[in-house]
Amino acid sequence: MDTQNYVTKLNNEMRTNTTNKQVATDTTTTVQNKVNKIATNLCSRGTISANVKGYVTTTGGTSDKLQESPKLCKS
């Protein structure tokens, strides 16, 4: 596999793809903490069950990162 060709194609895809955006800081944990706080509050009021609370709460989330790792196939 031509690694340079793969990296070039990956970089071109990132430049032309309108769904991806480079960000300076990762706000995932801030949003995650807000969702967890709301879910805990709703559960304590009895609005949602503990099962639903467990389904919507998360820990250790991060935003996606671009990684250049081509798939290697044995032939």
N, C-alpha and C. Protein backbone atom coordinates (compact mmCIF):
# COMPACT_ATOMS: atom_id res chain seq x y z
N MET A 1 0.84 -1.18 0.00
CA MET A 1 0.00 0.00 0.00
C MET A 1 0.89 1.24 0.00
N ASP A 2 0.50 2.20 -0.81
CA ASP A 2 1.23 3.45 -0.89
C ASP A 2 0.73 4.37 0.22
N THR A 3 1.52 4.50 1.29
CA THR A 3 1.11 5.27 2.46
C THR A 3 0.90 6.74 2.12
N GLN A 4 1.78 7.30 1.33
CA GLN A 4 1.66 8.72 0.99
C GLN A 4 0.37 8.99 0.22
N ASN A 5 0.02 8.09 -0.69
CA ASN A 5 -1.22 8.23 -1.45
C ASN A 5 -2.42 8.16 -0.50
N TYR A 6 -2.38 7.24 0.46
CA TYR A 6 -3.47 7.09 1.43
C TYR A 6 -3.63 8.36 2.26
N VAL A 7 -2.54 8.91 2.75
CA VAL A 7 -2.58 10.12 3.57
C VAL A 7 -3.09 11.30 2.75
N THR A 8 -2.68 11.39 1.52
CA THR A 8 -3.14 12.47 0.64
C THR A 8 -4.65 12.38 0.43
N LYS A 9 -5.15 11.19 0.15
CA LYS A 9 -6.60 11.00 -0.04
C LYS A 9 -7.36 11.33 1.24
N LEU A 10 -6.83 10.93 2.39
CA LEU A 10 -7.47 11.21 3.66
C LEU A 10 -7.54 12.71 3.93
N ASN A 11 -6.46 13.39 3.69
CA ASN A 11 -6.44 14.85 3.88
C ASN A 11 -7.40 15.56 2.92
N ASN A 12 -7.47 15.11 1.68
CA ASN A 12 -8.41 15.69 0.71
C ASN A 12 -9.84 15.47 1.16
N GLU A 13 -10.15 14.30 1.68
CA GLU A 13 -11.50 14.00 2.15
C GLU A 13 -11.87 14.92 3.32
N MET A 14 -10.94 15.15 4.20
CA MET A 14 -11.22 16.01 5.34
C MET A 14 -11.42 17.46 4.91
N ARG A 15 -10.72 17.90 3.89
CA ARG A 15 -10.87 19.28 3.41
C ARG A 15 -12.19 19.48 2.67
N THR A 16 -12.64 18.46 1.93
CA THR A 16 -13.84 18.62 1.11
C THR A 16 -15.11 18.19 1.82
N ASN A 17 -15.01 17.45 2.90
CA ASN A 17 -16.18 16.96 3.61
C ASN A 17 -16.75 18.08 4.48
N THR A 18 -18.02 18.40 4.31
CA THR A 18 -18.63 19.50 5.06
C THR A 18 -19.17 19.05 6.41
N THR A 19 -19.14 17.75 6.71
CA THR A 19 -19.65 17.28 7.99
C THR A 19 -18.61 17.32 9.09
N ASN A 20 -17.36 17.47 8.75
CA ASN A 20 -16.29 17.51 9.74
C ASN A 20 -15.81 18.93 9.94
N LYS A 21 -15.47 19.24 11.18
CA LYS A 21 -15.01 20.58 11.50
C LYS A 21 -13.92 20.48 12.56
N GLN A 22 -12.84 21.17 12.36
CA GLN A 22 -11.76 21.17 13.33
C GLN A 22 -12.13 22.10 14.49
N VAL A 23 -11.95 21.61 15.70
CA VAL A 23 -12.27 22.41 16.89
C VAL A 23 -11.02 22.57 17.75
N ALA A 24 -10.97 23.67 18.48
CA ALA A 24 -9.80 23.94 19.32
C ALA A 24 -9.90 23.18 20.64
N THR A 25 -11.10 23.07 21.21
CA THR A 25 -11.27 22.38 22.48
C THR A 25 -12.38 21.35 22.36
N ASP A 26 -12.28 20.32 23.19
CA ASP A 26 -13.27 19.25 23.20
C ASP A 26 -14.32 19.55 24.27
N THR A 27 -15.55 19.85 23.86
CA THR A 27 -16.61 20.18 24.80
C THR A 27 -17.47 18.97 25.16
N THR A 28 -17.02 17.79 24.78
CA THR A 28 -17.80 16.58 25.03
C THR A 28 -18.06 16.38 26.52
N THR A 29 -17.06 16.57 27.35
CA THR A 29 -17.24 16.33 28.78
C THR A 29 -18.20 17.33 29.41
N THR A 30 -18.22 18.56 28.93
CA THR A 30 -19.15 19.56 29.44
C THR A 30 -20.59 19.16 29.15
N VAL A 31 -20.85 18.76 27.92
CA VAL A 31 -22.20 18.33 27.53
C VAL A 31 -22.56 17.06 28.28
N GLN A 32 -21.63 16.15 28.38
CA GLN A 32 -21.85 14.89 29.07
C GLN A 32 -22.23 15.13 30.54
N ASN A 33 -21.54 16.04 31.20
CA ASN A 33 -21.86 16.35 32.60
C ASN A 33 -23.25 16.95 32.74
N LYS A 34 -23.65 17.81 31.81
CA LYS A 34 -24.99 18.41 31.85
C LYS A 34 -26.06 17.34 31.68
N VAL A 35 -25.86 16.44 30.73
CA VAL A 35 -26.84 15.37 30.50
C VAL A 35 -26.93 14.46 31.73
N ASN A 36 -25.80 14.12 32.32
CA ASN A 36 -25.79 13.27 33.51
C ASN A 36 -26.52 13.93 34.67
N LYS A 37 -26.33 15.23 34.84
CA LYS A 37 -26.98 15.97 35.93
C LYS A 37 -28.49 16.00 35.72
N ILE A 38 -28.93 16.25 34.50
CA ILE A 38 -30.37 16.27 34.20
C ILE A 38 -30.98 14.89 34.41
N ALA A 39 -30.29 13.85 33.95
CA ALA A 39 -30.80 12.49 34.11
C ALA A 39 -30.90 12.11 35.58
N THR A 40 -29.92 12.49 36.38
CA THR A 40 -29.96 12.20 37.82
C THR A 40 -31.12 12.92 38.48
N ASN A 41 -31.33 14.17 38.10
CA ASN A 41 -32.43 14.96 38.64
C ASN A 41 -33.79 14.34 38.28
N LEU A 42 -33.96 13.95 37.02
CA LEU A 42 -35.22 13.35 36.58
C LEU A 42 -35.46 12.01 37.27
N CYS A 43 -34.41 11.25 37.50
CA CYS A 43 -34.54 9.96 38.16
C CYS A 43 -34.93 10.15 39.63
N SER A 44 -34.34 11.13 40.28
CA SER A 44 -34.66 11.37 41.69
C SER A 44 -36.10 11.86 41.86
N ARG A 45 -36.64 12.53 40.85
CA ARG A 45 -38.04 12.98 40.90
C ARG A 45 -39.01 11.86 40.54
N GLY A 46 -38.49 10.79 39.97
CA GLY A 46 -39.36 9.68 39.56
C GLY A 46 -39.89 9.82 38.15
N THR A 47 -39.40 10.81 37.42
CA THR A 47 -39.87 11.02 36.04
C THR A 47 -39.36 9.94 35.10
N ILE A 48 -38.12 9.50 35.31
CA ILE A 48 -37.56 8.40 34.52
C ILE A 48 -37.08 7.31 35.48
N SER A 49 -37.01 6.09 34.99
CA SER A 49 -36.57 4.97 35.82
C SER A 49 -35.04 4.94 35.89
N ALA A 50 -34.53 4.15 36.81
CA ALA A 50 -33.08 3.99 36.96
C ALA A 50 -32.49 3.35 35.71
N ASN A 51 -33.26 2.48 35.05
CA ASN A 51 -32.78 1.85 33.81
C ASN A 51 -32.59 2.89 32.70
N VAL A 52 -33.52 3.80 32.58
CA VAL A 52 -33.40 4.86 31.57
C VAL A 52 -32.24 5.78 31.92
N LYS A 53 -32.09 6.10 33.19
CA LYS A 53 -30.97 6.93 33.62
C LYS A 53 -29.64 6.27 33.25
N GLY A 54 -29.53 4.98 33.50
CA GLY A 54 -28.31 4.25 33.15
C GLY A 54 -28.06 4.22 31.65
N TYR A 55 -29.15 4.24 30.88
CA TYR A 55 -29.02 4.23 29.42
C TYR A 55 -28.51 5.55 28.87
N VAL A 56 -28.93 6.67 29.45
CA VAL A 56 -28.58 7.98 28.89
C VAL A 56 -27.32 8.60 29.50
N THR A 57 -26.87 8.10 30.64
CA THR A 57 -25.67 8.65 31.25
C THR A 57 -24.43 7.92 30.74
N THR A 58 -23.35 8.68 30.59
CA THR A 58 -22.10 8.11 30.09
C THR A 58 -20.93 8.68 30.87
N THR A 59 -19.78 8.05 30.71
CA THR A 59 -18.55 8.56 31.31
C THR A 59 -17.41 8.39 30.31
N GLY A 60 -16.42 9.25 30.40
CA GLY A 60 -15.22 9.10 29.60
C GLY A 60 -15.37 9.37 28.12
N GLY A 61 -16.31 10.19 27.73
CA GLY A 61 -16.51 10.49 26.31
C GLY A 61 -15.50 11.47 25.76
N THR A 62 -15.16 11.31 24.49
CA THR A 62 -14.29 12.26 23.79
C THR A 62 -14.82 12.43 22.38
N SER A 63 -14.41 13.51 21.74
CA SER A 63 -14.80 13.70 20.35
C SER A 63 -13.93 12.83 19.46
N ASP A 64 -14.40 12.61 18.25
CA ASP A 64 -13.64 11.79 17.30
C ASP A 64 -12.33 12.47 16.94
N LYS A 65 -11.35 11.64 16.66
CA LYS A 65 -10.04 12.14 16.25
C LYS A 65 -9.67 11.51 14.92
N LEU A 66 -9.06 12.29 14.07
CA LEU A 66 -8.60 11.78 12.79
C LEU A 66 -7.33 10.98 13.01
N GLN A 67 -7.37 9.72 12.63
CA GLN A 67 -6.20 8.86 12.77
C GLN A 67 -5.88 8.24 11.43
N GLU A 68 -4.64 8.30 11.07
CA GLU A 68 -4.21 7.74 9.79
C GLU A 68 -3.69 6.34 10.02
N SER A 69 -4.58 5.36 9.86
CA SER A 69 -4.17 3.97 10.03
C SER A 69 -4.85 3.14 8.94
N PRO A 70 -4.16 2.92 7.85
CA PRO A 70 -4.76 2.18 6.75
C PRO A 70 -5.02 0.73 7.14
N LYS A 71 -6.10 0.18 6.60
CA LYS A 71 -6.43 -1.20 6.85
C LYS A 71 -5.46 -2.09 6.08
N LEU A 72 -4.83 -3.01 6.77
CA LEU A 72 -3.89 -3.90 6.15
C LEU A 72 -4.55 -5.26 5.94
N CYS A 73 -4.46 -5.77 4.73
CA CYS A 73 -5.06 -7.06 4.41
C CYS A 73 -3.95 -8.01 3.96
N LYS A 74 -4.03 -9.23 4.46
CA LYS A 74 -3.08 -10.25 3.99
C LYS A 74 -3.62 -10.84 2.69
N SER A 75 -2.70 -11.14 1.79
CA SER A 75 -3.16 -11.74 0.54
C SER A 75 -2.59 -13.11 0.37
